[in-house]
Amino acid sequence: MNTSGSGGPPQEDKKKPADALGQETKSAGIEDLQSKLDRWAIARRRTVEMEGFLNTCVCGSDSAVKDQVEAAKAALKLSTCGEWLALRHYWQVDQLRLIAGEFCQQTKLCMFCAIRRGSRNMSVYLKRYEFLMAQNPRLKAYMVTLTVLNGSDLLERMNHLKKCFKRLLNGMRQSKSRGQSRSPFAAISAGVAAFEVTNQGKGWHPHVHCIVLAESEPDQEALSAYWLATSGDSFIVDVRPIDPFNPVAGFCEVFKYSMKFQGMALSDNWQAHLDLKGFRLLMGFGGFYGVKLPKELTDDPLQDQPYVDLFFRYLAGSGVYSYCRDGKPTISKKVFEERFPHEEKFNEFKAEFDRTRSDSLTAV
């Protein structure tokens, strides 16, 4: 395992964002450490690119003063995001958890934070899904996609999509309360919707992906007609079943919304960040309504398990995360004491860990 950067920076994987999200969400042991660091290093490089774009192309341009101030603030937050990370290895059960780090929380701008936010949210909804399926084994999961016409005004198009989707949900509720089945969503008992946007040079393309639970598959033809009547500009919908033996794959397709901004040109990414500030991109309804989403981007720690803390810092020159053999990276004493109250224990375990893992953790 190379964590010192001697082998060069990891290359960006051409897999879809959903695949990367699936890797981030699954349980990881010490053998997955390098792949995690590589994935985060690629994300950190995109964050550095965005920081450079804001400092050079926005702050250093003839843009309005307000826009330059906004860009400078965002760039400052990006400059330290992901600079250092602390992972905790619970060696008896071979589990790795990200327990601390520097995060900017700008999930529409920062790929690192987007990956963490998407995986954290998906984990919570997967637990809710398992609960609902246990309550009613007759339920099946389906992925539903709805689109609206492309346009040049991103905020107008996204507001139009959200308004139409809320009409669809209102029709679902009215059908249930009146005992009628006029809505193609009438038989749905739970759902979670994620709003996405892309721009392939033909204007902004907003769409929404949903995971819905129902005892029978929604009628795609009926949904298409209903959606055209609701939106007034699109009949394009898609309904497909989710593999009950691999629901994670289906959830990844929906929760990749958090990472789609990172596939845009930097200028489009910045524009989307500005236009969609405060825009809620995730919505639960039915049995998924009220799911409490985690605020922290770090993993939940395990209780009553011995562990070793591993510290890494990002090397901008080589584009990799490097293991801090000498202990903690340069962070404030207050932050370190809050996160790691047992520093002396860390030093004791570190020596033994270094000895046994010298083949996989190399010095800077």
Protein backbone atom coordinates (compact mmCIF):
# COMPACT_ATOMS: atom_id res chain seq x y z
CA MET A 1 0.00 0.00 0.00
CA ASN A 2 1.38 3.40 -0.95
CA THR A 3 0.26 6.33 1.19
CA SER A 4 3.31 8.51 0.75
CA GLY A 5 2.72 9.61 -2.82
CA SER A 6 5.79 7.92 -4.30
CA GLY A 7 3.62 6.15 -6.87
CA GLY A 8 2.02 9.36 -8.14
CA PRO A 9 -1.48 10.71 -7.65
CA PRO A 10 -4.44 8.35 -8.09
CA GLN A 11 -6.14 8.63 -11.46
CA GLU A 12 -9.79 9.60 -11.67
CA ASP A 13 -12.00 6.57 -12.03
CA LYS A 14 -14.28 6.68 -15.07
CA LYS A 15 -17.03 4.86 -13.19
CA LYS A 16 -20.33 6.61 -12.70
CA PRO A 17 -20.86 8.71 -9.54
CA ALA A 18 -23.24 6.02 -8.30
CA ASP A 19 -20.38 3.50 -8.23
CA ALA A 20 -18.17 5.84 -6.24
CA LEU A 21 -21.02 6.48 -3.81
CA GLY A 22 -21.54 2.76 -3.35
CA GLN A 23 -17.87 2.31 -2.49
CA GLU A 24 -18.07 5.15 0.01
CA THR A 25 -21.14 3.74 1.74
CA LYS A 26 -20.08 0.13 2.18
CA SER A 27 -18.34 -1.11 5.31
CA ALA A 28 -14.55 -0.87 5.03
CA GLY A 29 -11.61 -2.58 6.70
CA ILE A 30 -7.89 -1.83 6.72
CA GLU A 31 -7.47 -3.41 3.27
CA ASP A 32 -9.81 -0.74 1.87
CA LEU A 33 -7.72 2.11 3.28
CA GLN A 34 -5.80 2.87 0.08
CA SER A 35 -8.90 2.90 -2.12
CA LYS A 36 -10.57 5.32 0.32
CA LEU A 37 -7.56 7.63 0.29
CA ASP A 38 -7.38 7.51 -3.50
CA ARG A 39 -11.07 8.35 -3.83
CA TRP A 40 -10.75 11.25 -1.40
CA ALA A 41 -7.58 12.52 -3.08
CA ILE A 42 -9.39 12.70 -6.43
CA ALA A 43 -12.22 14.61 -4.73
CA ARG A 44 -9.77 16.95 -3.03
CA ARG A 45 -8.11 17.73 -6.37
CA ARG A 46 -11.45 18.81 -7.82
CA THR A 47 -11.94 21.04 -4.76
CA VAL A 48 -8.52 22.62 -5.36
CA GLU A 49 -9.47 23.22 -9.01
CA MET A 50 -12.67 24.97 -7.95
CA GLU A 51 -10.76 27.09 -5.45
CA GLY A 52 -8.34 28.15 -8.18
CA PHE A 53 -11.18 28.96 -10.56
CA LEU A 54 -12.87 31.19 -7.99
CA ASN A 55 -9.66 33.02 -7.09
CA THR A 56 -8.58 33.51 -10.70
CA CYS A 57 -11.68 33.71 -12.87
CA VAL A 58 -14.14 35.33 -10.47
CA CYS A 59 -12.18 37.26 -7.86
CA GLY A 60 -9.63 38.33 -10.47
CA SER A 61 -12.19 39.40 -13.06
CA ASP A 62 -14.40 42.42 -13.66
CA SER A 63 -17.33 40.69 -11.93
CA ALA A 64 -19.51 42.70 -9.58
CA VAL A 65 -18.00 43.35 -6.16
CA LYS A 66 -20.75 41.31 -4.51
CA ASP A 67 -19.91 38.29 -6.71
CA GLN A 68 -16.20 38.63 -5.98
CA VAL A 69 -16.82 38.74 -2.24
CA GLU A 70 -19.05 35.67 -2.49
CA ALA A 71 -16.39 33.82 -4.47
CA ALA A 72 -13.62 34.82 -2.07
CA LYS A 73 -15.57 33.47 0.89
CA ALA A 74 -16.29 30.18 -0.86
CA ALA A 75 -12.67 29.82 -2.01
CA LEU A 76 -11.38 30.38 1.52
CA LYS A 77 -13.55 27.56 2.84
CA LEU A 78 -12.49 25.29 -0.01
CA SER A 79 -8.80 25.98 0.63
CA THR A 80 -8.75 23.99 3.88
CA CYS A 81 -11.46 21.40 3.18
CA GLY A 82 -10.02 17.90 3.28
CA GLU A 83 -6.52 19.14 4.15
CA TRP A 84 -6.29 16.66 7.01
CA LEU A 85 -8.27 13.56 7.95
CA ALA A 86 -8.36 11.24 10.93
CA LEU A 87 -9.48 7.65 10.53
CA ARG A 88 -10.07 5.23 13.38
CA HIS A 89 -9.31 1.56 12.84
CA TYR A 90 -11.20 -0.74 15.18
CA TRP A 91 -8.75 -3.55 14.72
CA GLN A 92 -10.63 -6.32 16.53
CA VAL A 93 -13.55 -6.07 14.09
CA ASP A 94 -11.49 -4.58 11.22
CA GLN A 95 -13.63 -1.49 10.69
CA LEU A 96 -12.42 1.89 9.42
CA ARG A 97 -14.32 5.04 10.35
CA LEU A 98 -13.66 8.65 9.38
CA ILE A 99 -13.88 10.40 12.74
CA ALA A 100 -12.55 13.90 12.07
CA GLY A 101 -11.39 16.24 9.36
CA GLU A 102 -11.69 19.70 7.93
CA PHE A 103 -14.97 20.11 6.01
CA CYS A 104 -16.35 23.18 4.24
CA GLN A 105 -19.92 21.78 3.98
CA GLN A 106 -20.34 23.37 0.53
CA THR A 107 -21.73 20.22 -1.02
CA LYS A 108 -22.62 21.82 -4.36
CA LEU A 109 -19.05 23.09 -4.79
CA CYS A 110 -16.87 20.59 -2.97
CA MET A 111 -16.64 17.04 -4.28
CA PHE A 112 -15.21 15.75 -1.01
CA CYS A 113 -18.15 17.06 1.02
CA ALA A 114 -20.59 15.90 -1.67
CA ILE A 115 -19.33 12.31 -1.41
CA ARG A 116 -19.57 12.34 2.36
CA ARG A 117 -23.03 13.95 2.41
CA GLY A 118 -24.42 11.54 -0.18
CA SER A 119 -23.13 8.45 1.61
CA ARG A 120 -24.33 9.62 5.02
CA ASN A 121 -27.83 10.42 3.76
CA MET A 122 -28.09 7.19 1.81
CA SER A 123 -27.14 5.10 4.84
CA VAL A 124 -29.97 6.63 6.86
CA TYR A 125 -32.56 6.02 4.13
CA LEU A 126 -31.37 2.46 3.61
CA LYS A 127 -32.03 1.73 7.27
CA ARG A 128 -35.52 3.18 6.93
CA TYR A 129 -36.05 1.09 3.78
CA GLU A 130 -35.12 -2.10 5.64
CA PHE A 131 -37.57 -1.19 8.42
CA LEU A 132 -40.45 -0.53 5.99
CA MET A 133 -39.79 -3.73 4.06
CA ALA A 134 -39.81 -5.72 7.29
CA GLN A 135 -43.15 -4.13 8.22
CA ASN A 136 -44.72 -5.11 4.88
CA PRO A 137 -42.84 -7.83 2.93
CA ARG A 138 -45.22 -7.37 -0.02
CA LEU A 139 -43.65 -4.02 -0.84
CA LYS A 140 -41.27 -3.72 -3.77
CA ALA A 141 -38.89 -0.89 -4.61
CA TYR A 142 -38.93 0.98 -7.92
CA MET A 143 -36.92 3.83 -9.34
CA VAL A 144 -38.98 6.56 -11.03
CA THR A 145 -37.45 9.37 -13.09
CA LEU A 146 -39.30 12.53 -14.16
CA THR A 147 -37.99 15.36 -16.34
CA VAL A 148 -38.99 18.81 -17.55
CA LEU A 149 -37.97 20.78 -20.62
CA ASN A 150 -34.45 22.23 -20.72
CA GLY A 151 -34.01 25.96 -20.24
CA SER A 152 -31.46 28.75 -19.86
CA ASP A 153 -32.66 29.89 -16.43
CA LEU A 154 -31.61 27.22 -13.91
CA LEU A 155 -33.57 28.49 -10.92
CA GLU A 156 -36.76 28.90 -12.96
CA ARG A 157 -36.45 25.36 -14.34
CA MET A 158 -35.74 23.82 -10.92
CA ASN A 159 -38.63 25.69 -9.31
CA HIS A 160 -40.88 24.51 -12.13
CA LEU A 161 -39.79 20.90 -11.60
CA LYS A 162 -40.30 21.07 -7.85
CA LYS A 163 -43.70 22.71 -8.21
CA CYS A 164 -44.84 19.99 -10.63
CA PHE A 165 -43.54 17.24 -8.38
CA LYS A 166 -45.41 18.68 -5.40
CA ARG A 167 -48.59 18.64 -7.51
CA LEU A 168 -47.95 14.97 -8.18
CA LEU A 169 -47.59 14.29 -4.46
CA ASN A 170 -50.73 16.29 -3.66
CA GLY A 171 -52.64 14.19 -6.18
CA MET A 172 -51.30 11.06 -4.50
CA ARG A 173 -52.51 12.23 -1.07
CA GLN A 174 -55.93 13.25 -2.38
CA SER A 175 -56.37 9.87 -4.08
CA LYS A 176 -55.57 8.11 -0.80
CA SER A 177 -57.85 10.29 1.32
CA ARG A 178 -60.80 9.98 -1.08
CA GLY A 179 -60.32 6.30 -1.76
CA GLN A 180 -59.80 6.95 -5.46
CA SER A 181 -56.93 5.87 -7.69
CA ARG A 182 -56.78 8.75 -10.17
CA SER A 183 -53.11 9.40 -9.39
CA PRO A 184 -50.49 6.95 -10.75
CA PHE A 185 -48.77 7.40 -7.39
CA ALA A 186 -51.90 6.36 -5.43
CA ALA A 187 -50.53 2.90 -4.53
CA ILE A 188 -47.17 4.22 -3.33
CA SER A 189 -46.64 3.93 0.42
CA ALA A 190 -43.22 5.59 0.70
CA GLY A 191 -40.74 7.47 -1.42
CA VAL A 192 -37.65 9.64 -1.44
CA ALA A 193 -36.89 12.04 -4.28
CA ALA A 194 -33.56 13.61 -5.26
CA PHE A 195 -33.43 16.60 -7.60
CA GLU A 196 -30.57 16.72 -10.12
CA VAL A 197 -29.40 19.08 -12.82
CA THR A 198 -26.96 18.69 -15.70
CA ASN A 199 -25.80 20.94 -18.50
CA GLN A 200 -24.52 19.31 -21.69
CA GLY A 201 -24.46 22.52 -23.72
CA LYS A 202 -28.18 22.46 -24.51
CA GLY A 203 -29.34 24.42 -21.49
CA TRP A 204 -30.00 23.30 -17.93
CA HIS A 205 -31.62 19.88 -17.70
CA PRO A 206 -33.40 19.37 -14.34
CA HIS A 207 -34.84 15.99 -13.42
CA VAL A 208 -35.84 14.07 -10.34
CA HIS A 209 -35.03 10.47 -9.40
CA CYS A 210 -37.24 8.70 -6.84
CA ILE A 211 -37.12 5.50 -4.87
CA VAL A 212 -40.74 4.47 -4.28
CA LEU A 213 -42.18 1.52 -2.39
CA ALA A 214 -45.40 -0.09 -3.58
CA GLU A 215 -46.99 -3.53 -3.81
CA SER A 216 -47.28 -3.21 -7.61
CA GLU A 217 -45.27 -1.37 -10.24
CA PRO A 218 -46.50 2.14 -11.11
CA ASP A 219 -48.03 2.32 -14.60
CA GLN A 220 -45.45 4.14 -16.73
CA GLU A 221 -47.89 5.02 -19.50
CA ALA A 222 -50.43 6.47 -17.07
CA LEU A 223 -47.65 8.32 -15.23
CA SER A 224 -46.38 9.81 -18.52
CA ALA A 225 -49.82 11.20 -19.38
CA TYR A 226 -50.34 12.50 -15.83
CA TRP A 227 -46.91 14.13 -15.79
CA LEU A 228 -47.50 15.88 -19.13
CA ALA A 229 -50.78 17.28 -17.82
CA THR A 230 -49.00 18.38 -14.64
CA SER A 231 -45.82 19.84 -16.11
CA GLY A 232 -47.18 21.09 -19.41
CA ASP A 233 -43.86 20.51 -21.18
CA SER A 234 -42.67 16.93 -20.69
CA PHE A 235 -44.04 13.42 -20.94
CA ILE A 236 -40.66 11.72 -20.46
CA VAL A 237 -40.73 9.42 -17.44
CA ASP A 238 -39.08 6.14 -16.57
CA VAL A 239 -40.12 3.39 -14.16
CA ARG A 240 -37.95 0.38 -13.41
CA PRO A 241 -37.80 -2.18 -10.58
CA ILE A 242 -34.91 -2.21 -8.12
CA ASP A 243 -33.16 -5.51 -7.53
CA PRO A 244 -34.41 -6.73 -4.11
CA PHE A 245 -31.12 -8.58 -3.64
CA ASN A 246 -29.08 -5.44 -4.28
CA PRO A 247 -31.10 -2.39 -3.25
CA VAL A 248 -27.92 -0.41 -2.61
CA ALA A 249 -27.31 -0.10 -6.37
CA GLY A 250 -30.74 1.48 -6.85
CA PHE A 251 -30.28 3.84 -3.93
CA CYS A 252 -26.89 4.88 -5.31
CA GLU A 253 -28.52 5.93 -8.58
CA VAL A 254 -30.82 8.26 -6.66
CA PHE A 255 -28.41 9.59 -4.03
CA LYS A 256 -25.70 10.39 -6.55
CA TYR A 257 -27.52 13.74 -6.89
CA SER A 258 -25.02 15.15 -4.37
CA MET A 259 -22.12 14.46 -6.74
CA LYS A 260 -23.62 15.50 -10.09
CA PHE A 261 -22.42 19.10 -9.72
CA GLN A 262 -18.84 17.85 -9.82
CA GLY A 263 -19.29 16.62 -13.39
CA MET A 264 -20.02 20.14 -14.65
CA ALA A 265 -17.62 22.69 -16.03
CA LEU A 266 -16.27 24.81 -13.17
CA SER A 267 -18.17 27.89 -14.35
CA ASP A 268 -21.47 25.97 -14.53
CA ASN A 269 -20.78 24.42 -11.13
CA TRP A 270 -20.29 27.88 -9.61
CA GLN A 271 -23.46 29.20 -11.26
CA ALA A 272 -25.47 26.24 -9.95
CA HIS A 273 -24.09 26.84 -6.46
CA LEU A 274 -25.25 30.47 -6.58
CA ASP A 275 -28.67 29.81 -8.12
CA LEU A 276 -29.56 26.85 -5.92
CA LYS A 277 -28.34 28.20 -2.60
CA GLY A 278 -30.88 27.06 -0.03
CA PHE A 279 -32.67 24.84 -2.56
CA ARG A 280 -33.62 21.55 -0.94
CA LEU A 281 -32.51 18.72 -3.22
CA LEU A 282 -33.78 15.77 -1.17
CA MET A 283 -37.42 15.11 -0.23
CA GLY A 284 -39.02 12.19 1.59
CA PHE A 285 -42.74 11.39 1.44
CA GLY A 286 -45.07 8.73 2.76
CA GLY A 287 -43.19 6.27 4.94
CA PHE A 288 -39.90 8.06 4.17
CA TYR A 289 -41.21 11.41 5.43
CA GLY A 290 -39.48 12.83 8.47
CA VAL A 291 -36.26 10.81 8.20
CA LYS A 292 -33.70 12.68 10.28
CA LEU A 293 -30.55 13.33 8.26
CA PRO A 294 -27.15 13.50 9.97
CA LYS A 295 -25.48 16.91 10.12
CA GLU A 296 -21.95 15.61 10.56
CA LEU A 297 -19.96 14.33 7.60
CA THR A 298 -17.94 12.01 9.81
CA ASP A 299 -18.88 8.40 10.54
CA ASP A 300 -20.53 7.25 13.74
CA PRO A 301 -17.92 5.75 16.10
CA LEU A 302 -18.17 2.21 17.41
CA GLN A 303 -18.62 1.74 21.12
CA ASP A 304 -16.53 -0.45 23.43
CA GLN A 305 -14.01 -1.42 20.77
CA PRO A 306 -10.22 -0.91 20.94
CA TYR A 307 -8.87 1.25 18.13
CA VAL A 308 -5.91 2.98 16.54
CA ASP A 309 -6.19 6.53 15.20
CA LEU A 310 -4.54 7.17 11.83
CA PHE A 311 -3.85 10.70 10.62
CA PHE A 312 -3.41 11.83 7.02
CA ARG A 313 -2.76 15.13 5.33
CA TYR A 314 -3.16 16.08 1.70
CA LEU A 315 0.04 16.82 -0.21
CA ALA A 316 -0.88 19.39 -2.86
CA GLY A 317 2.32 18.85 -4.82
CA SER A 318 1.79 15.12 -5.37
CA GLY A 319 -2.01 15.06 -5.12
CA VAL A 320 -2.22 12.27 -2.53
CA TYR A 321 -3.03 11.76 1.12
CA SER A 322 0.06 10.96 3.16
CA TYR A 323 0.20 9.14 6.48
CA CYS A 324 1.43 11.29 9.37
CA ARG A 325 3.87 8.94 11.05
CA ASP A 326 4.82 11.58 13.58
CA GLY A 327 1.26 11.73 14.95
CA LYS A 328 -1.35 14.40 14.46
CA PRO A 329 -1.25 16.87 11.57
CA THR A 330 -1.05 20.59 12.21
CA ILE A 331 -4.44 21.48 13.70
CA SER A 332 -5.45 23.66 16.61
CA LYS A 333 -4.90 22.30 20.10
CA LYS A 334 -8.57 22.87 20.97
CA VAL A 335 -9.83 20.83 17.99
CA PHE A 336 -7.37 18.04 18.71
CA GLU A 337 -8.28 17.82 22.40
CA GLU A 338 -12.00 17.75 21.58
CA ARG A 339 -11.65 15.01 18.98
CA PHE A 340 -8.84 12.95 20.50
CA PRO A 341 -8.91 13.07 24.32
CA HIS A 342 -6.67 9.98 24.56
CA GLU A 343 -3.56 11.20 22.77
CA GLU A 344 -1.24 9.16 24.98
CA LYS A 345 -3.16 5.99 24.07
CA PHE A 346 -2.80 6.84 20.41
CA ASN A 347 0.98 7.10 20.76
CA GLU A 348 1.11 3.70 22.47
CA PHE A 349 -0.96 1.95 19.82
CA LYS A 350 0.76 3.80 16.96
CA ALA A 351 4.14 2.22 17.68
CA GLU A 352 2.70 -1.30 17.58
CA PHE A 353 0.60 -0.50 14.53
CA ASP A 354 3.62 0.88 12.67
CA ARG A 355 5.57 -2.27 13.43
CA THR A 356 2.87 -4.68 12.25
CA ARG A 357 1.72 -2.61 9.26
CA SER A 358 5.10 -1.37 8.02
CA ASP A 359 4.51 -3.21 4.76
CA SER A 360 1.39 -1.18 4.02
CA LEU A 361 2.03 2.23 5.58
CA THR A 362 5.17 3.97 4.37
CA ALA A 363 6.80 7.05 5.77
CA VAL A 364 6.46 10.44 4.16
